[in-house]
């Protein structure tokens, strides 16, 4: 199989890439990025694109490929610009979904968020819900939406609120229901990889509780 990975330099994307490199079921991995990506595996190739251009996204998708998306930003990274936030999280993810449909990708998997709901009054959860609704409407051959709770792991970009959560949440995790229990990014990556090799078709929504079973 051929894997195409968007967002491979982030927390979960990096975990997925590590798994893909050592998985004999995948003969090649295309990491799509904004900047040159340094790698040491013969299985990996890098495509540097303008993510705001749907045509460039299309050129990365191959027929029957397995497409992973870990695209996402934060309020800090976009300096509070909600329009820019939407352009990254919503537009890019939807453009990838459309490209997967057009080029007949075998499977599209992307990471959303636990609690995502297009009717939410919370900006983040509302946006994530709107992304889910839009991507579902594309009707890909096989779509897997993963909805993890707070992700645990070392990030390249510091997120103050999440850094606090990284300390506090594990301490209270035993008391929390599995629907909202904090989860290691490595666990999300393992789940994503196994789903990518499954025979699942049509729409599949994977909640936090199910993702935790891949620990």
N, C-alpha and C. Protein backbone atom coordinates (compact mmCIF):
# COMPACT_ATOMS: atom_id res chain seq x y z
N UNK A 1 0.83 -1.20 0.00
CA UNK A 1 0.00 0.00 0.00
C UNK A 1 0.87 1.25 0.00
N UNK A 2 0.28 2.33 -0.47
CA UNK A 2 0.97 3.62 -0.45
C UNK A 2 0.24 4.55 0.51
N UNK A 3 0.99 5.17 1.42
CA UNK A 3 0.42 6.11 2.38
C UNK A 3 0.75 7.54 1.96
N UNK A 4 -0.24 8.41 2.10
CA UNK A 4 -0.03 9.83 1.86
C UNK A 4 -0.40 10.53 3.16
N UNK A 5 0.55 11.24 3.74
CA UNK A 5 0.37 11.81 5.07
C UNK A 5 0.44 13.34 5.03
N UNK A 6 -0.66 13.96 5.42
CA UNK A 6 -0.72 15.41 5.58
C UNK A 6 -0.60 15.71 7.08
N UNK A 7 0.29 16.61 7.44
CA UNK A 7 0.47 16.93 8.85
C UNK A 7 1.41 15.98 9.55
N UNK A 8 2.40 15.51 8.84
CA UNK A 8 3.32 14.52 9.39
C UNK A 8 4.37 15.06 10.33
N UNK A 9 4.43 16.39 10.50
CA UNK A 9 5.43 16.97 11.40
C UNK A 9 4.85 17.32 12.76
N UNK A 10 3.55 17.11 12.95
CA UNK A 10 2.91 17.40 14.22
C UNK A 10 3.01 16.22 15.19
N UNK A 11 2.34 16.35 16.34
CA UNK A 11 2.42 15.34 17.38
C UNK A 11 1.93 13.97 16.90
N UNK A 12 0.67 13.88 16.52
CA UNK A 12 0.12 12.59 16.10
C UNK A 12 0.66 12.17 14.74
N UNK A 13 0.82 13.13 13.83
CA UNK A 13 1.36 12.82 12.51
C UNK A 13 2.74 12.20 12.59
N UNK A 14 3.56 12.72 13.51
CA UNK A 14 4.90 12.17 13.70
C UNK A 14 4.85 10.74 14.21
N UNK A 15 3.89 10.47 15.10
CA UNK A 15 3.72 9.10 15.62
C UNK A 15 3.29 8.14 14.51
N UNK A 16 2.37 8.60 13.67
CA UNK A 16 1.91 7.76 12.56
C UNK A 16 3.05 7.47 11.60
N UNK A 17 3.85 8.49 11.32
CA UNK A 17 4.97 8.31 10.40
C UNK A 17 5.95 7.27 10.92
N UNK A 18 6.22 7.29 12.22
CA UNK A 18 7.12 6.31 12.81
C UNK A 18 6.58 4.89 12.63
N UNK A 19 5.27 4.74 12.79
CA UNK A 19 4.66 3.42 12.61
C UNK A 19 4.69 2.97 11.15
N UNK A 20 4.39 3.90 10.25
CA UNK A 20 4.37 3.58 8.83
C UNK A 20 5.75 3.14 8.32
N UNK A 21 6.78 3.80 8.82
CA UNK A 21 8.14 3.48 8.38
C UNK A 21 8.50 2.03 8.67
N UNK A 22 7.94 1.50 9.75
CA UNK A 22 8.29 0.14 10.18
C UNK A 22 7.22 -0.89 9.84
N UNK A 23 6.27 -0.49 9.03
CA UNK A 23 5.17 -1.38 8.67
C UNK A 23 5.38 -1.90 7.24
N UNK A 24 5.58 -3.20 7.13
CA UNK A 24 5.88 -3.79 5.82
C UNK A 24 4.70 -3.76 4.86
N UNK A 25 3.49 -3.49 5.37
CA UNK A 25 2.32 -3.42 4.50
C UNK A 25 2.34 -2.15 3.63
N UNK A 26 3.14 -1.17 4.03
CA UNK A 26 3.24 0.08 3.27
C UNK A 26 4.59 0.14 2.58
N UNK A 27 4.55 0.17 1.25
CA UNK A 27 5.79 0.16 0.48
C UNK A 27 6.36 1.56 0.31
N UNK A 28 5.48 2.59 0.38
CA UNK A 28 5.96 3.95 0.21
C UNK A 28 5.10 4.93 1.00
N UNK A 29 5.72 6.03 1.40
CA UNK A 29 5.04 7.06 2.20
C UNK A 29 5.36 8.42 1.60
N UNK A 30 4.33 9.16 1.25
CA UNK A 30 4.52 10.53 0.77
C UNK A 30 4.11 11.47 1.90
N UNK A 31 5.06 12.25 2.39
CA UNK A 31 4.77 13.24 3.43
C UNK A 31 4.57 14.59 2.74
N UNK A 32 3.37 15.13 2.88
CA UNK A 32 3.04 16.41 2.25
C UNK A 32 3.21 17.51 3.29
N UNK A 33 4.01 18.52 2.95
CA UNK A 33 4.33 19.55 3.93
C UNK A 33 4.48 20.92 3.28
N UNK A 34 4.53 21.94 4.13
CA UNK A 34 4.73 23.32 3.65
C UNK A 34 6.20 23.61 3.41
N UNK A 35 7.05 22.94 4.19
CA UNK A 35 8.49 23.15 4.10
C UNK A 35 9.17 21.81 3.88
N UNK A 36 10.42 21.85 3.43
CA UNK A 36 11.16 20.61 3.21
C UNK A 36 11.21 19.79 4.49
N UNK A 37 10.99 18.51 4.33
CA UNK A 37 10.94 17.59 5.46
C UNK A 37 12.15 16.67 5.41
N UNK A 38 12.93 16.66 6.48
CA UNK A 38 14.13 15.82 6.54
C UNK A 38 13.75 14.42 6.99
N UNK A 39 14.24 13.42 6.27
CA UNK A 39 13.92 12.04 6.61
C UNK A 39 15.08 11.13 6.25
N UNK A 40 15.07 9.94 6.81
CA UNK A 40 16.19 9.01 6.59
C UNK A 40 15.75 7.67 6.03
N UNK A 41 14.47 7.52 5.74
CA UNK A 41 13.95 6.24 5.25
C UNK A 41 13.80 6.25 3.73
N UNK A 42 14.17 5.16 3.10
CA UNK A 42 14.02 5.04 1.65
C UNK A 42 12.56 4.96 1.24
N UNK A 43 11.69 4.64 2.19
CA UNK A 43 10.26 4.54 1.89
C UNK A 43 9.60 5.90 1.78
N UNK A 44 10.26 6.93 2.31
CA UNK A 44 9.63 8.25 2.41
C UNK A 44 10.06 9.17 1.29
N UNK A 45 9.07 9.87 0.73
CA UNK A 45 9.36 10.98 -0.19
C UNK A 45 8.58 12.19 0.31
N UNK A 46 9.02 13.37 -0.05
CA UNK A 46 8.44 14.60 0.46
C UNK A 46 7.92 15.47 -0.69
N UNK A 47 6.67 15.95 -0.54
CA UNK A 47 6.11 16.89 -1.48
C UNK A 47 5.81 18.19 -0.74
N UNK A 48 6.44 19.26 -1.18
CA UNK A 48 6.22 20.57 -0.57
C UNK A 48 5.21 21.32 -1.43
N UNK A 49 4.10 21.73 -0.81
CA UNK A 49 3.02 22.37 -1.57
C UNK A 49 2.50 23.62 -0.87
N UNK A 50 1.69 24.34 -1.58
CA UNK A 50 0.91 25.45 -1.03
C UNK A 50 -0.45 24.85 -0.63
N UNK A 51 -0.67 24.72 0.67
CA UNK A 51 -1.88 24.05 1.15
C UNK A 51 -3.16 24.82 0.85
N UNK A 52 -3.04 26.07 0.47
CA UNK A 52 -4.23 26.85 0.14
C UNK A 52 -4.70 26.60 -1.29
N UNK A 53 -3.93 25.81 -2.04
CA UNK A 53 -4.25 25.53 -3.44
C UNK A 53 -4.80 24.11 -3.59
N UNK A 54 -6.10 23.96 -3.84
CA UNK A 54 -6.70 22.63 -3.97
C UNK A 54 -6.07 21.78 -5.07
N UNK A 55 -5.59 22.44 -6.13
CA UNK A 55 -4.98 21.71 -7.24
C UNK A 55 -3.68 21.03 -6.79
N UNK A 56 -2.91 21.74 -5.97
CA UNK A 56 -1.66 21.15 -5.48
C UNK A 56 -1.94 19.98 -4.54
N UNK A 57 -3.00 20.08 -3.77
CA UNK A 57 -3.40 18.96 -2.90
C UNK A 57 -3.78 17.76 -3.77
N UNK A 58 -4.55 18.01 -4.82
CA UNK A 58 -4.96 16.93 -5.72
C UNK A 58 -3.76 16.19 -6.31
N UNK A 59 -2.72 16.92 -6.63
CA UNK A 59 -1.54 16.31 -7.25
C UNK A 59 -0.80 15.36 -6.31
N UNK A 60 -1.13 15.40 -5.03
CA UNK A 60 -0.48 14.52 -4.05
C UNK A 60 -1.22 13.19 -3.89
N UNK A 61 -2.49 13.16 -4.26
CA UNK A 61 -3.32 11.98 -4.05
C UNK A 61 -3.16 10.99 -5.20
N UNK A 62 -3.02 9.73 -4.86
CA UNK A 62 -2.89 8.68 -5.86
C UNK A 62 -4.09 7.72 -5.76
N UNK A 63 -4.46 7.15 -6.88
CA UNK A 63 -5.54 6.17 -6.90
C UNK A 63 -5.22 5.00 -5.96
N UNK A 64 -6.20 4.60 -5.18
CA UNK A 64 -6.10 3.46 -4.25
C UNK A 64 -5.12 3.71 -3.09
N UNK A 65 -4.69 4.94 -2.90
CA UNK A 65 -3.79 5.23 -1.79
C UNK A 65 -4.56 5.36 -0.48
N UNK A 66 -3.83 5.26 0.63
CA UNK A 66 -4.38 5.46 1.97
C UNK A 66 -3.96 6.84 2.41
N UNK A 67 -4.93 7.71 2.66
CA UNK A 67 -4.62 9.12 2.95
C UNK A 67 -4.90 9.42 4.43
N UNK A 68 -3.87 9.90 5.11
CA UNK A 68 -3.98 10.29 6.51
C UNK A 68 -3.90 11.81 6.61
N UNK A 69 -4.74 12.41 7.44
CA UNK A 69 -4.64 13.86 7.67
C UNK A 69 -4.64 14.16 9.17
N UNK A 70 -3.58 14.83 9.59
CA UNK A 70 -3.46 15.30 10.98
C UNK A 70 -3.33 16.81 10.98
N UNK A 71 -3.96 17.45 10.01
CA UNK A 71 -3.89 18.90 9.86
C UNK A 71 -4.63 19.58 11.01
N UNK A 72 -4.03 20.61 11.56
CA UNK A 72 -4.68 21.37 12.62
C UNK A 72 -3.80 22.50 13.10
N UNK A 73 -4.40 23.53 13.65
CA UNK A 73 -3.64 24.66 14.16
C UNK A 73 -4.17 25.03 15.54
N UNK A 74 -3.72 26.14 16.07
CA UNK A 74 -4.19 26.64 17.37
C UNK A 74 -4.42 28.14 17.29
N UNK A 75 -5.15 28.66 18.26
CA UNK A 75 -5.37 30.12 18.32
C UNK A 75 -4.05 30.86 18.42
N UNK A 76 -3.10 30.28 19.16
CA UNK A 76 -1.80 30.93 19.31
C UNK A 76 -1.06 31.01 17.99
N UNK A 77 -1.08 29.93 17.23
CA UNK A 77 -0.34 29.89 15.97
C UNK A 77 -0.91 30.87 14.94
N UNK A 78 -2.21 31.10 14.98
CA UNK A 78 -2.82 32.04 14.03
C UNK A 78 -3.07 33.40 14.67
N UNK A 79 -2.52 33.59 15.88
CA UNK A 79 -2.61 34.86 16.61
C UNK A 79 -4.06 35.33 16.78
N UNK A 80 -4.92 34.37 17.08
CA UNK A 80 -6.32 34.69 17.36
C UNK A 80 -7.17 34.98 16.15
N UNK A 81 -6.62 34.81 14.96
CA UNK A 81 -7.36 35.09 13.72
C UNK A 81 -8.24 33.88 13.38
N UNK A 82 -9.53 33.97 13.69
CA UNK A 82 -10.43 32.84 13.49
C UNK A 82 -10.64 32.52 12.01
N UNK A 83 -10.55 33.53 11.16
CA UNK A 83 -10.66 33.29 9.72
C UNK A 83 -9.50 32.42 9.24
N UNK A 84 -8.30 32.77 9.71
CA UNK A 84 -7.13 31.99 9.34
C UNK A 84 -7.21 30.58 9.92
N UNK A 85 -7.70 30.50 11.15
CA UNK A 85 -7.88 29.19 11.81
C UNK A 85 -8.77 28.30 10.94
N UNK A 86 -9.87 28.86 10.46
CA UNK A 86 -10.82 28.10 9.65
C UNK A 86 -10.20 27.69 8.31
N UNK A 87 -9.42 28.60 7.72
CA UNK A 87 -8.79 28.30 6.44
C UNK A 87 -7.87 27.08 6.55
N UNK A 88 -7.23 26.93 7.70
CA UNK A 88 -6.31 25.81 7.90
C UNK A 88 -7.07 24.53 8.24
N UNK A 89 -7.86 24.59 9.30
CA UNK A 89 -8.52 23.38 9.76
C UNK A 89 -9.64 22.91 8.82
N UNK A 90 -10.49 23.83 8.42
CA UNK A 90 -11.67 23.46 7.62
C UNK A 90 -11.31 23.32 6.14
N UNK A 91 -10.78 24.37 5.55
CA UNK A 91 -10.57 24.37 4.10
C UNK A 91 -9.61 23.28 3.64
N UNK A 92 -8.49 23.14 4.34
CA UNK A 92 -7.50 22.16 3.92
C UNK A 92 -8.05 20.74 4.05
N UNK A 93 -8.70 20.46 5.18
CA UNK A 93 -9.24 19.11 5.38
C UNK A 93 -10.30 18.78 4.33
N UNK A 94 -11.17 19.74 4.05
CA UNK A 94 -12.21 19.50 3.05
C UNK A 94 -11.61 19.33 1.66
N UNK A 95 -10.58 20.11 1.35
CA UNK A 95 -9.93 19.98 0.04
C UNK A 95 -9.25 18.61 -0.11
N UNK A 96 -8.69 18.10 0.98
CA UNK A 96 -8.10 16.76 0.94
C UNK A 96 -9.19 15.72 0.69
N UNK A 97 -10.31 15.86 1.40
CA UNK A 97 -11.43 14.92 1.22
C UNK A 97 -11.94 14.94 -0.22
N UNK A 98 -12.09 16.12 -0.78
CA UNK A 98 -12.55 16.24 -2.17
C UNK A 98 -11.57 15.60 -3.14
N UNK A 99 -10.27 15.80 -2.87
CA UNK A 99 -9.24 15.21 -3.74
C UNK A 99 -9.27 13.68 -3.65
N UNK A 100 -9.49 13.16 -2.44
CA UNK A 100 -9.58 11.71 -2.26
C UNK A 100 -10.75 11.13 -3.06
N UNK A 101 -11.85 11.85 -3.05
CA UNK A 101 -13.02 11.41 -3.80
C UNK A 101 -12.75 11.44 -5.30
N UNK A 102 -12.19 12.55 -5.77
CA UNK A 102 -11.95 12.74 -7.20
C UNK A 102 -10.93 11.75 -7.74
N UNK A 103 -9.87 11.49 -6.96
CA UNK A 103 -8.78 10.62 -7.43
C UNK A 103 -8.97 9.16 -7.01
N UNK A 104 -10.10 8.88 -6.35
CA UNK A 104 -10.45 7.51 -5.97
C UNK A 104 -9.45 6.88 -5.00
N UNK A 105 -9.12 7.63 -3.95
CA UNK A 105 -8.28 7.07 -2.89
C UNK A 105 -9.05 5.94 -2.21
N UNK A 106 -8.33 4.96 -1.74
CA UNK A 106 -8.97 3.79 -1.12
C UNK A 106 -9.60 4.15 0.22
N UNK A 107 -8.88 4.98 1.01
CA UNK A 107 -9.36 5.30 2.35
C UNK A 107 -8.85 6.68 2.76
N UNK A 108 -9.70 7.45 3.45
CA UNK A 108 -9.30 8.74 4.01
C UNK A 108 -9.56 8.72 5.51
N UNK A 109 -8.51 9.00 6.28
CA UNK A 109 -8.62 9.03 7.73
C UNK A 109 -8.16 10.40 8.23
N UNK A 110 -8.94 11.01 9.10
CA UNK A 110 -8.48 12.28 9.66
C UNK A 110 -8.87 12.40 11.13
N UNK A 111 -8.14 13.28 11.82
CA UNK A 111 -8.35 13.46 13.26
C UNK A 111 -9.21 14.69 13.50
N UNK A 112 -10.31 14.47 14.20
CA UNK A 112 -11.19 15.57 14.61
C UNK A 112 -10.99 15.78 16.12
N UNK A 113 -12.06 15.85 16.87
CA UNK A 113 -11.94 16.06 18.31
C UNK A 113 -13.16 15.49 19.03
N UNK A 114 -12.93 14.93 20.19
CA UNK A 114 -14.04 14.53 21.03
C UNK A 114 -14.90 15.75 21.34
N UNK A 115 -16.20 15.58 21.30
CA UNK A 115 -17.10 16.70 21.58
C UNK A 115 -17.39 17.60 20.40
N UNK A 116 -16.80 17.31 19.25
CA UNK A 116 -17.04 18.13 18.05
C UNK A 116 -18.52 18.14 17.70
N UNK A 117 -19.05 19.33 17.46
CA UNK A 117 -20.48 19.45 17.17
C UNK A 117 -20.72 20.79 16.49
N UNK A 118 -21.27 20.75 15.29
CA UNK A 118 -21.47 21.98 14.52
C UNK A 118 -22.48 22.92 15.17
N UNK A 119 -23.22 22.44 16.18
CA UNK A 119 -24.18 23.29 16.88
C UNK A 119 -23.62 23.85 18.18
N UNK A 120 -22.37 23.52 18.49
CA UNK A 120 -21.76 23.97 19.75
C UNK A 120 -21.55 25.48 19.76
N UNK A 121 -21.58 26.07 20.94
CA UNK A 121 -21.31 27.49 21.09
C UNK A 121 -19.81 27.75 21.25
N UNK A 122 -19.04 26.67 21.43
CA UNK A 122 -17.59 26.77 21.55
C UNK A 122 -16.97 26.82 20.15
N UNK A 123 -16.13 27.80 19.89
CA UNK A 123 -15.57 27.98 18.54
C UNK A 123 -14.86 26.73 18.05
N UNK A 124 -14.00 26.16 18.88
CA UNK A 124 -13.20 25.01 18.48
C UNK A 124 -14.07 23.80 18.17
N UNK A 125 -14.98 23.46 19.09
CA UNK A 125 -15.82 22.29 18.90
C UNK A 125 -16.81 22.48 17.75
N UNK A 126 -17.29 23.71 17.58
CA UNK A 126 -18.19 24.01 16.47
C UNK A 126 -17.47 23.83 15.14
N UNK A 127 -16.24 24.37 15.05
CA UNK A 127 -15.47 24.27 13.82
C UNK A 127 -15.17 22.80 13.50
N UNK A 128 -14.76 22.05 14.48
CA UNK A 128 -14.47 20.64 14.25
C UNK A 128 -15.72 19.90 13.78
N UNK A 129 -16.87 20.25 14.37
CA UNK A 129 -18.12 19.64 13.94
C UNK A 129 -18.48 20.00 12.52
N UNK A 130 -18.24 21.25 12.15
CA UNK A 130 -18.52 21.68 10.77
C UNK A 130 -17.61 20.97 9.78
N UNK A 131 -16.37 20.74 10.18
CA UNK A 131 -15.45 19.99 9.32
C UNK A 131 -15.96 18.58 9.10
N UNK A 132 -16.36 17.93 10.19
CA UNK A 132 -16.90 16.57 10.08
C UNK A 132 -18.10 16.53 9.13
N UNK A 133 -19.03 17.45 9.32
CA UNK A 133 -20.24 17.47 8.48
C UNK A 133 -19.88 17.64 7.01
N UNK A 134 -18.94 18.57 6.74
CA UNK A 134 -18.56 18.85 5.35
C UNK A 134 -17.88 17.65 4.71
N UNK A 135 -16.97 17.02 5.44
CA UNK A 135 -16.22 15.88 4.89
C UNK A 135 -17.16 14.69 4.69
N UNK A 136 -18.06 14.46 5.63
CA UNK A 136 -19.02 13.35 5.49
C UNK A 136 -19.86 13.51 4.22
N UNK A 137 -20.21 14.76 3.90
CA UNK A 137 -21.05 15.02 2.73
C UNK A 137 -20.34 14.69 1.41
N UNK A 138 -19.00 14.59 1.44
CA UNK A 138 -18.23 14.26 0.23
C UNK A 138 -18.47 12.80 -0.18
N UNK A 139 -18.74 11.95 0.81
CA UNK A 139 -19.02 10.52 0.57
C UNK A 139 -17.83 9.80 -0.07
N UNK A 140 -16.73 9.76 0.66
CA UNK A 140 -15.54 9.03 0.21
C UNK A 140 -15.80 7.52 0.25
N UNK A 141 -14.95 6.77 -0.47
CA UNK A 141 -15.07 5.32 -0.50
C UNK A 141 -15.06 4.73 0.91
N UNK A 142 -14.10 5.18 1.70
CA UNK A 142 -13.98 4.75 3.10
C UNK A 142 -13.46 5.93 3.89
N UNK A 143 -14.25 6.36 4.86
CA UNK A 143 -13.89 7.53 5.67
C UNK A 143 -13.86 7.14 7.13
N UNK A 144 -12.74 7.43 7.80
CA UNK A 144 -12.61 7.19 9.24
C UNK A 144 -12.32 8.51 9.94
N UNK A 145 -13.20 8.90 10.84
CA UNK A 145 -13.03 10.12 11.62
C UNK A 145 -12.71 9.73 13.04
N UNK A 146 -11.51 10.08 13.50
CA UNK A 146 -11.11 9.78 14.86
C UNK A 146 -11.36 10.99 15.76
N UNK A 147 -11.97 10.75 16.93
CA UNK A 147 -12.37 11.84 17.80
C UNK A 147 -11.77 11.67 19.20
N UNK A 148 -10.45 11.90 19.30
CA UNK A 148 -9.79 11.74 20.60
C UNK A 148 -10.07 12.91 21.54
N UNK A 149 -9.88 12.66 22.82
CA UNK A 149 -9.94 13.71 23.83
C UNK A 149 -8.57 14.42 23.84
N UNK A 150 -8.20 15.00 24.97
CA UNK A 150 -6.92 15.70 25.07
C UNK A 150 -5.77 14.77 24.73
N UNK A 151 -4.93 15.20 23.80
CA UNK A 151 -3.79 14.39 23.36
C UNK A 151 -2.59 14.61 24.27
N UNK A 152 -1.98 13.51 24.68
CA UNK A 152 -0.78 13.57 25.52
C UNK A 152 0.45 13.23 24.68
N UNK A 153 1.53 13.97 24.90
CA UNK A 153 2.75 13.73 24.15
C UNK A 153 3.55 15.01 24.01
N UNK A 154 4.79 14.87 23.60
CA UNK A 154 5.67 16.02 23.47
C UNK A 154 5.42 16.74 22.14
N UNK A 155 5.07 18.01 22.21
CA UNK A 155 4.80 18.80 21.01
C UNK A 155 5.98 19.67 20.65
N UNK A 156 6.11 19.95 19.35
CA UNK A 156 7.12 20.91 18.89
C UNK A 156 6.72 22.33 19.25
N UNK A 157 5.41 22.60 19.16
CA UNK A 157 4.90 23.93 19.47
C UNK A 157 4.23 23.91 20.83
N UNK A 158 4.65 24.83 21.68
CA UNK A 158 4.10 24.88 23.04
C UNK A 158 2.68 25.42 23.03
N UNK A 159 1.78 24.75 23.75
CA UNK A 159 0.41 25.19 23.90
C UNK A 159 0.15 25.29 25.40
N UNK A 160 0.03 26.51 25.92
CA UNK A 160 0.00 26.73 27.36
C UNK A 160 -1.10 25.93 28.05
N UNK A 161 -2.33 26.05 27.54
CA UNK A 161 -3.44 25.36 28.19
C UNK A 161 -3.25 23.86 28.13
N UNK A 162 -2.80 23.35 26.96
CA UNK A 162 -2.59 21.92 26.84
C UNK A 162 -1.43 21.46 27.70
N UNK A 163 -0.42 22.30 27.88
CA UNK A 163 0.70 21.93 28.74
C UNK A 163 0.23 21.71 30.17
N UNK A 164 -0.70 22.54 30.63
CA UNK A 164 -1.28 22.36 31.96
C UNK A 164 -2.06 21.05 32.00
N UNK A 165 -2.85 20.84 30.95
CA UNK A 165 -3.63 19.61 30.86
C UNK A 165 -2.76 18.37 30.84
N UNK A 166 -1.59 18.47 30.20
CA UNK A 166 -0.68 17.33 30.12
C UNK A 166 -0.22 16.90 31.51
N UNK A 167 -0.17 17.85 32.44
CA UNK A 167 0.25 17.56 33.81
C UNK A 167 -0.92 17.08 34.66
N UNK A 168 -2.03 17.79 34.54
CA UNK A 168 -3.17 17.54 35.42
C UNK A 168 -3.99 16.31 35.00
N UNK A 169 -4.29 16.21 33.71
CA UNK A 169 -5.20 15.16 33.25
C UNK A 169 -4.75 13.74 33.60
N UNK A 170 -3.47 13.39 33.42
CA UNK A 170 -3.08 12.02 33.77
C UNK A 170 -3.30 11.70 35.25
N UNK A 171 -3.20 12.72 36.11
CA UNK A 171 -3.37 12.51 37.54
C UNK A 171 -4.80 12.12 37.88
N UNK A 172 -5.76 12.69 37.15
CA UNK A 172 -7.17 12.43 37.42
C UNK A 172 -7.79 11.46 36.42
N UNK A 173 -6.97 10.97 35.51
CA UNK A 173 -7.49 10.17 34.41
C UNK A 173 -8.27 8.95 34.90
N UNK A 174 -7.81 8.34 35.98
CA UNK A 174 -8.46 7.13 36.48
C UNK A 174 -9.89 7.39 36.91
N UNK A 175 -10.20 8.65 37.24
CA UNK A 175 -11.54 9.01 37.71
C UNK A 175 -12.48 9.39 36.58
N UNK A 176 -11.93 9.58 35.40
CA UNK A 176 -12.73 10.08 34.29
C UNK A 176 -13.30 8.94 33.45
N UNK A 177 -14.48 9.14 32.88
CA UNK A 177 -15.02 8.14 31.95
C UNK A 177 -14.16 8.09 30.69
N UNK A 178 -14.16 6.95 30.02
CA UNK A 178 -13.30 6.79 28.85
C UNK A 178 -13.69 7.70 27.70
N UNK A 179 -14.88 8.26 27.74
CA UNK A 179 -15.31 9.16 26.67
C UNK A 179 -14.51 10.46 26.66
N UNK A 180 -13.94 10.85 27.84
CA UNK A 180 -13.20 12.10 27.90
C UNK A 180 -11.79 11.92 28.49
N UNK A 181 -11.40 10.70 28.73
CA UNK A 181 -10.08 10.43 29.31
C UNK A 181 -8.98 10.88 28.35
N UNK A 182 -7.95 11.55 28.90
CA UNK A 182 -6.82 11.98 28.07
C UNK A 182 -6.17 10.76 27.43
N UNK A 183 -5.60 10.96 26.26
CA UNK A 183 -5.10 9.82 25.47
C UNK A 183 -3.74 10.15 24.85
N UNK A 184 -2.87 9.16 24.87
CA UNK A 184 -1.55 9.33 24.26
C UNK A 184 -1.67 9.41 22.74
N UNK A 185 -0.90 10.32 22.16
CA UNK A 185 -0.90 10.45 20.70
C UNK A 185 -0.46 9.16 20.04
N UNK A 186 0.42 8.41 20.69
CA UNK A 186 0.87 7.14 20.14
C UNK A 186 -0.29 6.15 20.02
N UNK A 187 -1.24 6.22 20.97
CA UNK A 187 -2.41 5.34 20.92
C UNK A 187 -3.31 5.70 19.75
N UNK A 188 -3.50 7.00 19.54
CA UNK A 188 -4.30 7.47 18.40
C UNK A 188 -3.65 7.01 17.10
N UNK A 189 -2.34 7.11 17.03
CA UNK A 189 -1.62 6.69 15.82
C UNK A 189 -1.78 5.20 15.56
N UNK A 190 -1.70 4.38 16.62
CA UNK A 190 -1.88 2.94 16.47
C UNK A 190 -3.28 2.62 15.95
N UNK A 191 -4.26 3.31 16.51
CA UNK A 191 -5.64 3.10 16.06
C UNK A 191 -5.79 3.48 14.59
N UNK A 192 -5.23 4.61 14.23
CA UNK A 192 -5.33 5.10 12.86
C UNK A 192 -4.68 4.12 11.88
N UNK A 193 -3.53 3.59 12.27
CA UNK A 193 -2.83 2.65 11.40
C UNK A 193 -3.65 1.38 11.20
N UNK A 194 -4.20 0.83 12.28
CA UNK A 194 -4.99 -0.40 12.17
C UNK A 194 -6.24 -0.17 11.33
N UNK A 195 -6.88 0.97 11.50
CA UNK A 195 -8.06 1.29 10.70
C UNK A 195 -7.70 1.40 9.22
N UNK A 196 -6.52 1.91 8.95
CA UNK A 196 -6.10 2.10 7.55
C UNK A 196 -5.94 0.77 6.83
N UNK A 197 -5.69 -0.29 7.59
CA UNK A 197 -5.48 -1.61 7.00
C UNK A 197 -6.72 -2.50 7.09
N UNK A 198 -7.80 -1.94 7.62
CA UNK A 198 -9.04 -2.70 7.77
C UNK A 198 -9.84 -2.70 6.47
N UNK A 199 -10.91 -3.46 6.47
CA UNK A 199 -11.79 -3.52 5.31
C UNK A 199 -12.99 -2.59 5.47
N UNK A 200 -12.93 -1.68 6.41
CA UNK A 200 -14.04 -0.76 6.65
C UNK A 200 -14.29 0.11 5.42
N UNK A 201 -15.56 0.31 5.10
CA UNK A 201 -15.93 1.19 3.99
C UNK A 201 -16.95 2.20 4.47
N UNK A 202 -17.29 3.13 3.59
CA UNK A 202 -18.27 4.18 3.92
C UNK A 202 -17.82 4.99 5.15
N UNK A 203 -18.75 5.38 6.00
CA UNK A 203 -18.45 6.26 7.12
C UNK A 203 -18.21 5.49 8.41
N UNK A 204 -17.10 5.85 9.10
CA UNK A 204 -16.77 5.22 10.38
C UNK A 204 -16.31 6.32 11.34
N UNK A 205 -17.04 6.51 12.43
CA UNK A 205 -16.69 7.51 13.43
C UNK A 205 -16.16 6.79 14.66
N UNK A 206 -14.92 7.09 15.02
CA UNK A 206 -14.23 6.39 16.09
C UNK A 206 -14.10 7.32 17.30
N UNK A 207 -14.85 7.03 18.34
CA UNK A 207 -14.85 7.87 19.53
C UNK A 207 -13.66 7.53 20.44
N UNK A 208 -13.43 8.40 21.43
CA UNK A 208 -12.28 8.27 22.32
C UNK A 208 -12.23 6.91 23.01
N UNK A 209 -13.38 6.42 23.47
CA UNK A 209 -13.42 5.14 24.18
C UNK A 209 -12.88 4.01 23.31
N UNK A 210 -13.26 3.99 22.04
CA UNK A 210 -12.77 2.95 21.14
C UNK A 210 -11.29 3.12 20.83
N UNK A 211 -10.86 4.36 20.68
CA UNK A 211 -9.43 4.61 20.40
C UNK A 211 -8.57 4.09 21.55
N UNK A 212 -9.04 4.27 22.78
CA UNK A 212 -8.29 3.83 23.96
C UNK A 212 -8.03 2.34 23.97
N UNK A 213 -8.86 1.57 23.28
CA UNK A 213 -8.68 0.11 23.25
C UNK A 213 -7.41 -0.29 22.50
N UNK A 214 -6.76 0.65 21.81
CA UNK A 214 -5.53 0.36 21.08
C UNK A 214 -4.27 0.62 21.91
N UNK A 215 -4.45 0.90 23.20
CA UNK A 215 -3.28 1.14 24.07
C UNK A 215 -2.41 -0.11 24.15
